[in-house]
Amino acid sequence: MKEKIKGILAGLIYKIIVLLTLGQISPLLGAGIIIERDGKILLIDRSDGLGYTIPGGIVRHRETVEECVLREAREETGYTVKITGFVGVYSSLKRDPRFRAIALTYKGCIVEGAPRSSGEGAPCWRTPDEVLGHMAFDCEAMLKDYLSGQTHYI
């Protein structure tokens, strides 16, 4: 419930800023990472009930996109990860219902650590067939691009 309230508040604050700037504000920048092991994908079963997402989040003011990916993966899953490639840029106007955001998605692997839950939800390993149709935001498009080996730029 706490994460759902945070999402709603973030969306409201962003909409107020959009109004105050007459729409002249850049979208938020997010980043995520897809990690596959033994045919299963590391996902977050979200605590707000929206479904499954890849580990990731919003880039902070004083970090690079890559630093964000590594931090978010560690915070949300308990794993230290390494970036091994790039999946795509996702900028659909309605990709996140809470606010306008663009996401950069990477692929990676686990370096060390053990799974642990966070406020976002519980990390889990699922096959694509188990989660397709049950993913939040545009994570399904990201996963499909990853599985097809295509880099998404449109």
Protein backbone atom coordinates (compact mmCIF):
# COMPACT_ATOMS: atom_id res chain seq x y z
CA MET A 1 0.00 0.00 0.00
CA LYS A 2 2.88 2.37 0.82
CA GLU A 3 4.31 2.03 -2.71
CA LYS A 4 0.90 2.66 -4.27
CA ILE A 5 0.52 5.88 -2.25
CA LYS A 6 4.06 6.97 -3.20
CA GLY A 7 3.21 6.40 -6.87
CA ILE A 8 0.00 8.39 -6.64
CA LEU A 9 1.74 11.28 -4.83
CA ALA A 10 4.61 11.31 -7.34
CA GLY A 11 2.09 11.44 -10.18
CA LEU A 12 0.18 14.33 -8.58
CA ILE A 13 3.33 16.32 -7.89
CA TYR A 14 4.55 15.77 -11.44
CA LYS A 15 1.19 16.93 -12.85
CA ILE A 16 1.34 20.09 -10.72
CA ILE A 17 4.84 20.83 -12.03
CA VAL A 18 3.61 20.27 -15.59
CA LEU A 19 0.82 22.81 -14.99
CA LEU A 20 3.14 25.35 -13.34
CA THR A 21 5.61 25.13 -16.23
CA LEU A 22 2.85 25.15 -18.87
CA GLY A 23 4.01 21.75 -20.04
CA GLN A 24 7.61 22.84 -20.55
CA ILE A 25 9.18 20.16 -18.38
CA SER A 26 11.13 17.15 -19.54
CA PRO A 27 9.84 13.67 -18.79
CA LEU A 28 11.35 11.80 -15.89
CA LEU A 29 14.13 9.40 -16.83
CA GLY A 30 14.00 5.84 -15.66
CA ALA A 31 16.21 2.81 -16.16
CA GLY A 32 15.82 -0.90 -15.73
CA ILE A 33 17.62 -4.17 -16.31
CA ILE A 34 16.59 -7.56 -17.64
CA ILE A 35 18.45 -10.52 -16.20
CA GLU A 36 17.92 -14.06 -17.44
CA ARG A 37 19.08 -17.26 -15.78
CA ASP A 38 18.17 -20.81 -16.79
CA GLY A 39 15.34 -19.56 -19.02
CA LYS A 40 13.79 -17.47 -16.26
CA ILE A 41 13.71 -13.67 -15.90
CA LEU A 42 14.40 -11.79 -12.66
CA LEU A 43 11.29 -9.73 -11.93
CA ILE A 44 9.65 -7.78 -9.15
CA ASP A 45 6.20 -8.96 -8.09
CA ARG A 46 5.00 -5.47 -7.22
CA SER A 47 3.57 -4.81 -3.78
CA ASP A 48 1.07 -2.30 -5.22
CA GLY A 49 -0.69 -5.05 -7.17
CA LEU A 50 0.14 -3.70 -10.64
CA GLY A 51 1.85 -6.92 -11.72
CA TYR A 52 5.43 -7.81 -12.57
CA THR A 53 8.16 -5.37 -13.55
CA ILE A 54 11.81 -5.58 -14.34
CA PRO A 55 14.07 -4.14 -11.62
CA GLY A 56 14.51 -0.42 -12.15
CA GLY A 57 13.41 3.07 -11.25
CA ILE A 58 13.87 6.80 -11.65
CA VAL A 59 17.35 8.24 -12.15
CA ARG A 60 18.37 10.52 -9.30
CA HIS A 61 19.71 14.00 -9.88
CA ARG A 62 23.33 13.12 -9.03
CA GLU A 63 23.71 9.73 -10.70
CA THR A 64 24.24 8.36 -14.17
CA VAL A 65 21.67 6.13 -15.83
CA GLU A 66 24.00 3.18 -15.34
CA GLU A 67 24.46 3.97 -11.64
CA CYS A 68 20.67 4.08 -11.32
CA VAL A 69 20.30 0.62 -12.87
CA LEU A 70 22.87 -0.89 -10.52
CA ARG A 71 21.39 0.85 -7.43
CA GLU A 72 17.79 -0.03 -8.24
CA ALA A 73 18.63 -3.67 -8.95
CA ARG A 74 20.45 -3.95 -5.62
CA GLU A 75 17.68 -2.14 -3.68
CA GLU A 76 14.82 -4.08 -5.25
CA THR A 77 16.33 -7.57 -5.48
CA GLY A 78 19.32 -7.86 -3.13
CA TYR A 79 21.60 -8.71 -6.06
CA THR A 80 24.65 -6.83 -7.26
CA VAL A 81 24.42 -6.87 -11.04
CA LYS A 82 26.55 -6.03 -14.05
CA ILE A 83 25.32 -4.41 -17.28
CA THR A 84 26.12 -6.56 -20.32
CA GLY A 85 24.13 -4.92 -23.09
CA PHE A 86 21.31 -2.63 -24.15
CA VAL A 87 17.68 -3.52 -24.87
CA GLY A 88 16.11 -0.20 -25.83
CA VAL A 89 14.62 3.24 -25.30
CA TYR A 90 10.95 3.34 -24.30
CA SER A 91 9.19 6.68 -24.62
CA SER A 92 5.53 6.01 -25.32
CA LEU A 93 3.41 8.86 -23.98
CA LYS A 94 1.42 6.45 -21.80
CA ARG A 95 4.17 4.00 -20.79
CA ASP A 96 3.71 4.85 -17.09
CA PRO A 97 0.22 5.88 -15.92
CA ARG A 98 1.60 7.85 -12.96
CA PHE A 99 3.71 10.40 -14.84
CA ARG A 100 5.47 11.07 -18.12
CA ALA A 101 8.66 9.04 -18.15
CA ILE A 102 11.19 7.64 -20.57
CA ALA A 103 12.98 4.40 -19.74
CA LEU A 104 16.32 3.03 -20.88
CA THR A 105 16.48 -0.73 -20.54
CA TYR A 106 19.65 -2.77 -20.25
CA LYS A 107 20.44 -6.47 -20.02
CA GLY A 108 22.74 -7.83 -17.39
CA CYS A 109 23.85 -10.61 -15.11
CA ILE A 110 24.14 -11.22 -11.38
CA VAL A 111 27.55 -10.70 -9.82
CA GLU A 112 26.68 -11.64 -6.24
CA GLY A 113 24.04 -11.40 -3.55
CA ALA A 114 20.92 -13.14 -2.39
CA PRO A 115 17.28 -12.30 -3.08
CA ARG A 116 15.48 -9.99 -0.66
CA SER A 117 12.24 -8.06 -0.88
CA SER A 118 11.87 -4.29 -0.79
CA GLY A 119 9.03 -1.82 -0.54
CA GLU A 120 8.58 -2.23 -4.29
CA GLY A 121 7.79 -5.92 -3.95
CA ALA A 122 9.37 -9.35 -3.95
CA PRO A 123 12.01 -10.49 -6.42
CA CYS A 124 11.12 -13.67 -8.26
CA TRP A 125 12.27 -15.76 -11.21
CA ARG A 126 9.59 -16.45 -13.82
CA THR A 127 9.52 -17.80 -17.35
CA PRO A 128 8.25 -15.35 -19.96
CA ASP A 129 5.12 -17.48 -20.49
CA GLU A 130 4.23 -17.12 -16.81
CA VAL A 131 4.28 -13.30 -16.85
CA LEU A 132 3.35 -12.14 -20.34
CA GLY A 133 -0.06 -10.51 -19.94
CA HIS A 134 0.60 -9.78 -16.26
CA MET A 135 3.26 -7.07 -16.46
CA ALA A 136 2.99 -3.44 -15.34
CA PHE A 137 3.76 -0.36 -17.39
CA ASP A 138 5.50 -1.29 -20.66
CA CYS A 139 7.71 -4.00 -19.18
CA GLU A 140 6.05 -6.56 -21.45
CA ALA A 141 7.30 -4.67 -24.55
CA MET A 142 10.77 -4.54 -22.99
CA LEU A 143 10.75 -8.27 -22.30
CA LYS A 144 9.52 -9.10 -25.80
CA ASP A 145 12.27 -6.95 -27.35
CA TYR A 146 14.85 -8.65 -25.13
CA LEU A 147 13.60 -12.12 -26.08
CA SER A 148 13.60 -11.26 -29.79
CA GLY A 149 17.13 -9.86 -29.60
CA GLN A 150 15.99 -6.58 -31.14
CA THR A 151 17.12 -3.19 -29.89
CA HIS A 152 14.14 -0.86 -29.47
CA TYR A 153 14.66 2.78 -30.52
CA ILE A 154 11.19 3.81 -31.67
